[in-house]
PDB file of all heavy atoms in Angstrom:
ATOM      1  N   THR A   1       0.839  -1.189   0.000  1.00  0.00           N
ATOM      2  CA  THR A   1       0.000   0.000   0.000  1.00  0.00           C
ATOM      3  C   THR A   1       0.876   1.240   0.000  1.00  0.00           C
ATOM      4  O   THR A   1       1.774   1.376   0.834  1.00  0.00           O
ATOM      5  CB  THR A   1      -0.921   0.022   1.231  1.00  0.00           C
ATOM      6  OG1 THR A   1      -1.736  -1.159   1.232  1.00  0.00           O
ATOM      7  CG2 THR A   1      -1.812   1.245   1.214  1.00  0.00           C
ATOM      8  N   THR A   2       0.636   2.121  -0.951  1.00  0.00           N
ATOM      9  CA  THR A   2       1.330   3.407  -1.021  1.00  0.00           C
ATOM     10  C   THR A   2       0.283   4.497  -1.223  1.00  0.00           C
ATOM     11  O   THR A   2      -0.923   4.216  -1.294  1.00  0.00           O
ATOM     12  CB  THR A   2       2.345   3.439  -2.182  1.00  0.00           C
ATOM     13  OG1 THR A   2       1.621   3.524  -3.430  1.00  0.00           O
ATOM     14  CG2 THR A   2       3.237   2.203  -2.195  1.00  0.00           C
ATOM     15  N   SER A   3       0.733   5.714  -1.355  1.00  0.00           N
ATOM     16  CA  SER A   3      -0.198   6.807  -1.629  1.00  0.00           C
ATOM     17  C   SER A   3      -0.738   6.748  -3.047  1.00  0.00           C
ATOM     18  O   SER A   3      -1.688   7.470  -3.382  1.00  0.00           O
ATOM     19  CB  SER A   3       0.512   8.151  -1.405  1.00  0.00           C
ATOM     20  OG  SER A   3       1.612   8.293  -2.298  1.00  0.00           O
ATOM     21  N   GLU A   4      -0.167   5.867  -3.887  1.00  0.00           N
ATOM     22  CA  GLU A   4      -0.580   5.770  -5.289  1.00  0.00           C
ATOM     23  C   GLU A   4      -1.371   4.502  -5.597  1.00  0.00           C
ATOM     24  O   GLU A   4      -2.241   4.515  -6.469  1.00  0.00           O
ATOM     25  CB  GLU A   4       0.653   5.826  -6.189  1.00  0.00           C
ATOM     26  CG  GLU A   4       1.431   7.130  -6.061  1.00  0.00           C
ATOM     27  CD  GLU A   4       2.788   7.093  -6.718  1.00  0.00           C
ATOM     28  OE1 GLU A   4       3.318   5.986  -6.964  1.00  0.00           O
ATOM     29  OE2 GLU A   4       3.331   8.177  -6.984  1.00  0.00           O
ATOM     30  N   THR A   5      -1.056   3.403  -4.899  1.00  0.00           N
ATOM     31  CA  THR A   5      -1.701   2.124  -5.183  1.00  0.00           C
ATOM     32  C   THR A   5      -1.930   1.334  -3.906  1.00  0.00           C
ATOM     33  O   THR A   5      -1.277   1.556  -2.887  1.00  0.00           O
ATOM     34  CB  THR A   5      -0.835   1.259  -6.125  1.00  0.00           C
ATOM     35  OG1 THR A   5       0.427   0.990  -5.484  1.00  0.00           O
ATOM     36  CG2 THR A   5      -0.603   1.934  -7.461  1.00  0.00           C
ATOM     37  N   ASP A   6      -2.861   0.388  -3.986  1.00  0.00           N
ATOM     38  CA  ASP A   6      -3.135  -0.556  -2.898  1.00  0.00           C
ATOM     39  C   ASP A   6      -3.380  -1.903  -3.569  1.00  0.00           C
ATOM     40  O   ASP A   6      -4.419  -2.102  -4.207  1.00  0.00           O
ATOM     41  CB  ASP A   6      -4.346  -0.100  -2.095  1.00  0.00           C
ATOM     42  CG  ASP A   6      -4.621  -0.989  -0.883  1.00  0.00           C
ATOM     43  OD1 ASP A   6      -3.825  -1.904  -0.624  1.00  0.00           O
ATOM     44  OD2 ASP A   6      -5.645  -0.753  -0.208  1.00  0.00           O
ATOM     45  N   LEU A   7      -2.427  -2.822  -3.451  1.00  0.00           N
ATOM     46  CA  LEU A   7      -2.460  -4.059  -4.226  1.00  0.00           C
ATOM     47  C   LEU A   7      -2.190  -5.284  -3.364  1.00  0.00           C
ATOM     48  O   LEU A   7      -1.376  -5.234  -2.434  1.00  0.00           O
ATOM     49  CB  LEU A   7      -1.405  -4.008  -5.339  1.00  0.00           C
ATOM     50  CG  LEU A   7      -1.666  -3.001  -6.458  1.00  0.00           C
ATOM     51  CD1 LEU A   7      -0.373  -2.671  -7.186  1.00  0.00           C
ATOM     52  CD2 LEU A   7      -2.706  -3.552  -7.426  1.00  0.00           C
ATOM     53  N   THR A   8      -2.860  -6.380  -3.687  1.00  0.00           N
ATOM     54  CA  THR A   8      -2.603  -7.674  -3.072  1.00  0.00           C
ATOM     55  C   THR A   8      -2.431  -8.710  -4.172  1.00  0.00           C
ATOM     56  O   THR A   8      -3.241  -8.770  -5.101  1.00  0.00           O
ATOM     57  CB  THR A   8      -3.745  -8.105  -2.136  1.00  0.00           C
ATOM     58  OG1 THR A   8      -3.847  -7.174  -1.055  1.00  0.00           O
ATOM     59  CG2 THR A   8      -3.492  -9.497  -1.570  1.00  0.00           C
ATOM     60  N   VAL A   9      -1.380  -9.501  -4.059  1.00  0.00           N
ATOM     61  CA  VAL A   9      -1.128 -10.589  -5.001  1.00  0.00           C
ATOM     62  C   VAL A   9      -0.956 -11.878  -4.217  1.00  0.00           C
ATOM     63  O   VAL A   9      -0.175 -11.947  -3.265  1.00  0.00           O
ATOM     64  CB  VAL A   9       0.138 -10.324  -5.850  1.00  0.00           C
ATOM     65  CG1 VAL A   9       0.489 -11.560  -6.677  1.00  0.00           C
ATOM     66  CG2 VAL A   9      -0.062  -9.127  -6.760  1.00  0.00           C
ATOM     67  N   ARG A  10      -1.711 -12.892  -4.620  1.00  0.00           N
ATOM     68  CA  ARG A  10      -1.543 -14.244  -4.078  1.00  0.00           C
ATOM     69  C   ARG A  10      -1.146 -15.156  -5.236  1.00  0.00           C
ATOM     70  O   ARG A  10      -1.754 -15.097  -6.302  1.00  0.00           O
ATOM     71  CB  ARG A  10      -2.822 -14.745  -3.415  1.00  0.00           C
ATOM     72  CG  ARG A  10      -3.240 -13.918  -2.222  1.00  0.00           C
ATOM     73  CD  ARG A  10      -4.335 -14.608  -1.409  1.00  0.00           C
ATOM     74  NE  ARG A  10      -5.481 -15.009  -2.193  1.00  0.00           N
ATOM     75  CZ  ARG A  10      -6.496 -14.211  -2.519  1.00  0.00           C
ATOM     76  NH1 ARG A  10      -6.483 -12.942  -2.152  1.00  0.00           N
ATOM     77  NH2 ARG A  10      -7.518 -14.676  -3.219  1.00  0.00           N
ATOM     78  N   VAL A  11      -0.128 -15.973  -5.005  1.00  0.00           N
ATOM     79  CA  VAL A  11       0.363 -16.849  -6.060  1.00  0.00           C
ATOM     80  C   VAL A  11       0.509 -18.265  -5.529  1.00  0.00           C
ATOM     81  O   VAL A  11       0.917 -18.478  -4.382  1.00  0.00           O
ATOM     82  CB  VAL A  11       1.714 -16.336  -6.635  1.00  0.00           C
ATOM     83  CG1 VAL A  11       2.786 -16.269  -5.562  1.00  0.00           C
ATOM     84  CG2 VAL A  11       2.166 -17.187  -7.799  1.00  0.00           C
ATOM     85  N   ASN A  12       0.150 -19.233  -6.354  1.00  0.00           N
ATOM     86  CA  ASN A  12       0.337 -20.649  -6.071  1.00  0.00           C
ATOM     87  C   ASN A  12       1.029 -21.255  -7.285  1.00  0.00           C
ATOM     88  O   ASN A  12       0.445 -21.311  -8.367  1.00  0.00           O
ATOM     89  CB  ASN A  12      -1.009 -21.328  -5.808  1.00  0.00           C
ATOM     90  CG  ASN A  12      -0.876 -22.814  -5.524  1.00  0.00           C
ATOM     91  OD1 ASN A  12       0.206 -23.385  -5.606  1.00  0.00           O
ATOM     92  ND2 ASN A  12      -1.979 -23.449  -5.184  1.00  0.00           N
ATOM     93  N   LEU A  13       2.276 -21.677  -7.098  1.00  0.00           N
ATOM     94  CA  LEU A  13       3.056 -22.205  -8.217  1.00  0.00           C
ATOM     95  C   LEU A  13       2.703 -23.647  -8.560  1.00  0.00           C
ATOM     96  O   LEU A  13       3.144 -24.159  -9.592  1.00  0.00           O
ATOM     97  CB  LEU A  13       4.552 -22.101  -7.902  1.00  0.00           C
ATOM     98  CG  LEU A  13       5.087 -20.709  -7.570  1.00  0.00           C
ATOM     99  CD1 LEU A  13       6.598 -20.751  -7.394  1.00  0.00           C
ATOM    100  CD2 LEU A  13       4.691 -19.696  -8.625  1.00  0.00           C
ATOM    101  N   ASP A  14       1.927 -24.293  -7.697  1.00  0.00           N
ATOM    102  CA  ASP A  14       1.565 -25.695  -7.908  1.00  0.00           C
ATOM    103  C   ASP A  14       0.056 -25.866  -7.776  1.00  0.00           C
ATOM    104  O   ASP A  14      -0.425 -26.559  -6.874  1.00  0.00           O
ATOM    105  CB  ASP A  14       2.295 -26.594  -6.914  1.00  0.00           C
ATOM    106  CG  ASP A  14       3.804 -26.452  -7.010  1.00  0.00           C
ATOM    107  OD1 ASP A  14       4.347 -26.759  -8.080  1.00  0.00           O
ATOM    108  OD2 ASP A  14       4.418 -26.039  -6.015  1.00  0.00           O
ATOM    109  N   PRO A  15      -0.722 -25.263  -8.657  1.00  0.00           N
ATOM    110  CA  PRO A  15      -2.177 -25.306  -8.497  1.00  0.00           C
ATOM    111  C   PRO A  15      -2.762 -26.707  -8.591  1.00  0.00           C
ATOM    112  O   PRO A  15      -3.843 -26.959  -8.061  1.00  0.00           O
ATOM    113  CB  PRO A  15      -2.682 -24.417  -9.640  1.00  0.00           C
ATOM    114  CG  PRO A  15      -1.570 -24.385 -10.628  1.00  0.00           C
ATOM    115  CD  PRO A  15      -0.308 -24.479  -9.821  1.00  0.00           C
ATOM    116  N   HIS A  16      -2.045 -27.633  -9.224  1.00  0.00           N
ATOM    117  CA  HIS A  16      -2.547 -28.998  -9.324  1.00  0.00           C
ATOM    118  C   HIS A  16      -2.564 -29.694  -7.973  1.00  0.00           C
ATOM    119  O   HIS A  16      -3.211 -30.737  -7.812  1.00  0.00           O
ATOM    120  CB  HIS A  16      -1.694 -29.803 -10.309  1.00  0.00           C
ATOM    121  CG  HIS A  16      -0.255 -29.912  -9.926  1.00  0.00           C
ATOM    122  ND1 HIS A  16       0.623 -28.852 -10.052  1.00  0.00           N
ATOM    123  CD2 HIS A  16       0.466 -30.935  -9.393  1.00  0.00           C
ATOM    124  CE1 HIS A  16       1.835 -29.228  -9.633  1.00  0.00           C
ATOM    125  NE2 HIS A  16       1.750 -30.481  -9.232  1.00  0.00           N
ATOM    126  N   LEU A  17      -1.856 -29.143  -6.980  1.00  0.00           N
ATOM    127  CA  LEU A  17      -1.842 -29.721  -5.634  1.00  0.00           C
ATOM    128  C   LEU A  17      -2.888 -29.086  -4.726  1.00  0.00           C
ATOM    129  O   LEU A  17      -2.978 -29.431  -3.550  1.00  0.00           O
ATOM    130  CB  LEU A  17      -0.455 -29.538  -5.002  1.00  0.00           C
ATOM    131  CG  LEU A  17       0.718 -30.165  -5.767  1.00  0.00           C
ATOM    132  CD1 LEU A  17       2.025 -29.863  -5.051  1.00  0.00           C
ATOM    133  CD2 LEU A  17       0.512 -31.668  -5.910  1.00  0.00           C
ATOM    134  N   ASP A  18      -3.678 -28.171  -5.260  1.00  0.00           N
ATOM    135  CA  ASP A  18      -4.627 -27.403  -4.463  1.00  0.00           C
ATOM    136  C   ASP A  18      -5.913 -27.258  -5.264  1.00  0.00           C
ATOM    137  O   ASP A  18      -5.887 -26.935  -6.445  1.00  0.00           O
ATOM    138  CB  ASP A  18      -4.031 -26.024  -4.147  1.00  0.00           C
ATOM    139  CG  ASP A  18      -4.865 -25.225  -3.156  1.00  0.00           C
ATOM    140  OD1 ASP A  18      -6.013 -25.636  -2.884  1.00  0.00           O
ATOM    141  OD2 ASP A  18      -4.377 -24.200  -2.675  1.00  0.00           O
ATOM    142  N   SER A  19      -7.031 -27.494  -4.607  1.00  0.00           N
ATOM    143  CA  SER A  19      -8.313 -27.396  -5.305  1.00  0.00           C
ATOM    144  C   SER A  19      -8.737 -25.955  -5.549  1.00  0.00           C
ATOM    145  O   SER A  19      -9.632 -25.685  -6.350  1.00  0.00           O
ATOM    146  CB  SER A  19      -9.407 -28.108  -4.499  1.00  0.00           C
ATOM    147  OG  SER A  19      -9.540 -27.511  -3.212  1.00  0.00           O
ATOM    148  N   ALA A  20      -8.096 -24.997  -4.849  1.00  0.00           N
ATOM    149  CA  ALA A  20      -8.455 -23.595  -5.024  1.00  0.00           C
ATOM    150  C   ALA A  20      -8.042 -23.121  -6.412  1.00  0.00           C
ATOM    151  O   ALA A  20      -7.049 -23.578  -6.971  1.00  0.00           O
ATOM    152  CB  ALA A  20      -7.787 -22.736  -3.957  1.00  0.00           C
ATOM    153  N   THR A  21      -8.804 -22.217  -6.965  1.00  0.00           N
ATOM    154  CA  THR A  21      -8.476 -21.673  -8.278  1.00  0.00           C
ATOM    155  C   THR A  21      -8.250 -20.179  -8.176  1.00  0.00           C
ATOM    156  O   THR A  21      -8.672 -19.530  -7.229  1.00  0.00           O
ATOM    157  CB  THR A  21      -9.618 -21.938  -9.282  1.00  0.00           C
ATOM    158  OG1 THR A  21     -10.818 -21.346  -8.780  1.00  0.00           O
ATOM    159  CG2 THR A  21      -9.830 -23.428  -9.483  1.00  0.00           C
ATOM    160  N   GLY A  22      -7.558 -19.655  -9.163  1.00  0.00           N
ATOM    161  CA  GLY A  22      -7.282 -18.231  -9.179  1.00  0.00           C
ATOM    162  C   GLY A  22      -8.537 -17.418  -9.447  1.00  0.00           C
ATOM    163  O   GLY A  22      -9.477 -17.887 -10.093  1.00  0.00           O
ATOM    164  N   GLU A  23      -8.583 -16.227  -8.934  1.00  0.00           N
ATOM    165  CA  GLU A  23      -9.704 -15.319  -9.156  1.00  0.00           C
ATOM    166  C   GLU A  23      -9.370 -14.408 -10.336  1.00  0.00           C
ATOM    167  O   GLU A  23      -8.213 -14.195 -10.663  1.00  0.00           O
ATOM    168  CB  GLU A  23      -9.946 -14.490  -7.903  1.00  0.00           C
ATOM    169  CG  GLU A  23     -10.243 -15.331  -6.663  1.00  0.00           C
ATOM    170  CD  GLU A  23     -10.160 -14.511  -5.381  1.00  0.00           C
ATOM    171  OE1 GLU A  23      -9.982 -13.288  -5.471  1.00  0.00           O
ATOM    172  OE2 GLU A  23     -10.251 -15.114  -4.308  1.00  0.00           O
ATOM    173  N   SER A  24     -10.409 -13.889 -10.947  1.00  0.00           N
ATOM    174  CA  SER A  24     -10.179 -12.963 -12.044  1.00  0.00           C
ATOM    175  C   SER A  24      -9.481 -11.711 -11.525  1.00  0.00           C
ATOM    176  O   SER A  24      -9.908 -11.148 -10.514  1.00  0.00           O
ATOM    177  CB  SER A  24     -11.505 -12.578 -12.696  1.00  0.00           C
ATOM    178  OG  SER A  24     -12.122 -13.705 -13.267  1.00  0.00           O
ATOM    179  N   PRO A  25      -8.409 -11.274 -12.186  1.00  0.00           N
ATOM    180  CA  PRO A  25      -7.725 -10.058 -11.741  1.00  0.00           C
ATOM    181  C   PRO A  25      -8.681  -8.871 -11.712  1.00  0.00           C
ATOM    182  O   PRO A  25      -9.546  -8.747 -12.579  1.00  0.00           O
ATOM    183  CB  PRO A  25      -6.628  -9.861 -12.791  1.00  0.00           C
ATOM    184  CG  PRO A  25      -6.411 -11.220 -13.362  1.00  0.00           C
ATOM    185  CD  PRO A  25      -7.757 -11.881 -13.346  1.00  0.00           C
ATOM    186  N   ALA A  26      -8.518  -8.023 -10.716  1.00  0.00           N
ATOM    187  CA  ALA A  26      -9.394  -6.857 -10.571  1.00  0.00           C
ATOM    188  C   ALA A  26      -8.571  -5.690 -10.072  1.00  0.00           C
ATOM    189  O   ALA A  26      -8.367  -5.521  -8.871  1.00  0.00           O
ATOM    190  CB  ALA A  26     -10.541  -7.165  -9.610  1.00  0.00           C
ATOM    191  N   THR A  27      -8.074  -4.889 -11.016  1.00  0.00           N
ATOM    192  CA  THR A  27      -7.273  -3.717 -10.655  1.00  0.00           C
ATOM    193  C   THR A  27      -7.979  -2.411 -11.015  1.00  0.00           C
ATOM    194  O   THR A  27      -7.477  -1.342 -10.676  1.00  0.00           O
ATOM    195  CB  THR A  27      -5.914  -3.734 -11.380  1.00  0.00           C
ATOM    196  OG1 THR A  27      -6.133  -3.542 -12.793  1.00  0.00           O
ATOM    197  CG2 THR A  27      -5.166  -5.038 -11.129  1.00  0.00           C
ATOM    198  N   GLY A  28      -9.105  -2.505 -11.699  1.00  0.00           N
ATOM    199  CA  GLY A  28      -9.795  -1.306 -12.139  1.00  0.00           C
ATOM    200  C   GLY A  28      -9.399  -0.825 -13.519  1.00  0.00           C
ATOM    201  O   GLY A  28      -9.990   0.124 -14.038  1.00  0.00           O
ATOM    202  N   HIS A  29      -8.416  -1.482 -14.139  1.00  0.00           N
ATOM    203  CA  HIS A  29      -7.990  -1.120 -15.496  1.00  0.00           C
ATOM    204  C   HIS A  29      -8.326  -2.299 -16.406  1.00  0.00           C
ATOM    205  O   HIS A  29      -7.692  -3.353 -16.337  1.00  0.00           O
ATOM    206  CB  HIS A  29      -6.492  -0.827 -15.532  1.00  0.00           C
ATOM    207  CG  HIS A  29      -6.013  -0.237 -16.822  1.00  0.00           C
ATOM    208  ND1 HIS A  29      -5.905  -0.984 -17.969  1.00  0.00           N
ATOM    209  CD2 HIS A  29      -5.633   1.023 -17.146  1.00  0.00           C
ATOM    210  CE1 HIS A  29      -5.454  -0.219 -18.949  1.00  0.00           C
ATOM    211  NE2 HIS A  29      -5.288   1.008 -18.479  1.00  0.00           N
ATOM    212  N   GLY A  30      -9.323  -2.116 -17.261  1.00  0.00           N
ATOM    213  CA  GLY A  30      -9.860  -3.229 -18.031  1.00  0.00           C
ATOM    214  C   GLY A  30      -8.848  -3.968 -18.875  1.00  0.00           C
ATOM    215  O   GLY A  30      -8.770  -5.203 -18.830  1.00  0.00           O
ATOM    216  N   PHE A  31      -8.061  -3.259 -19.671  1.00  0.00           N
ATOM    217  CA  PHE A  31      -7.122  -3.944 -20.547  1.00  0.00           C
ATOM    218  C   PHE A  31      -6.010  -4.620 -19.747  1.00  0.00           C
ATOM    219  O   PHE A  31      -5.603  -5.738 -20.060  1.00  0.00           O
ATOM    220  CB  PHE A  31      -6.508  -2.984 -21.562  1.00  0.00           C
ATOM    221  CG  PHE A  31      -5.560  -3.664 -22.504  1.00  0.00           C
ATOM    222  CD1 PHE A  31      -6.044  -4.461 -23.525  1.00  0.00           C
ATOM    223  CD2 PHE A  31      -4.184  -3.527 -22.357  1.00  0.00           C
ATOM    224  CE1 PHE A  31      -5.166  -5.124 -24.391  1.00  0.00           C
ATOM    225  CE2 PHE A  31      -3.310  -4.181 -23.217  1.00  0.00           C
ATOM    226  CZ  PHE A  31      -3.806  -4.976 -24.247  1.00  0.00           C
ATOM    227  N   PHE A  32      -5.527  -3.964 -18.693  1.00  0.00           N
ATOM    228  CA  PHE A  32      -4.487  -4.567 -17.862  1.00  0.00           C
ATOM    229  C   PHE A  32      -5.013  -5.830 -17.185  1.00  0.00           C
ATOM    230  O   PHE A  32      -4.304  -6.843 -17.115  1.00  0.00           O
ATOM    231  CB  PHE A  32      -3.987  -3.554 -16.839  1.00  0.00           C
ATOM    232  CG  PHE A  32      -2.815  -4.017 -16.021  1.00  0.00           C
ATOM    233  CD1 PHE A  32      -1.725  -4.648 -16.602  1.00  0.00           C
ATOM    234  CD2 PHE A  32      -2.791  -3.800 -14.643  1.00  0.00           C
ATOM    235  CE1 PHE A  32      -0.642  -5.069 -15.840  1.00  0.00           C
ATOM    236  CE2 PHE A  32      -1.710  -4.212 -13.880  1.00  0.00           C
ATOM    237  CZ  PHE A  32      -0.634  -4.845 -14.477  1.00  0.00           C
ATOM    238  N   ASP A  33      -6.252  -5.796 -16.719  1.00  0.00           N
ATOM    239  CA  ASP A  33      -6.842  -7.007 -16.138  1.00  0.00           C
ATOM    240  C   ASP A  33      -6.914  -8.122 -17.176  1.00  0.00           C
ATOM    241  O   ASP A  33      -6.690  -9.298 -16.864  1.00  0.00           O
ATOM    242  CB  ASP A  33      -8.239  -6.711 -15.595  1.00  0.00           C
ATOM    243  CG  ASP A  33      -8.221  -5.914 -14.298  1.00  0.00           C
ATOM    244  OD1 ASP A  33      -7.153  -5.824 -13.667  1.00  0.00           O
ATOM    245  OD2 ASP A  33      -9.286  -5.389 -13.913  1.00  0.00           O
TER     246      ASP A  33
END
């Protein structure tokens, strides 16, 4: 968190070992998402 941005990133390098799936990116910038 800074005065310019507030961001959270969660990463799983081995998704096949976990039933959880990634969420759709949501940064507020359509093309970047």
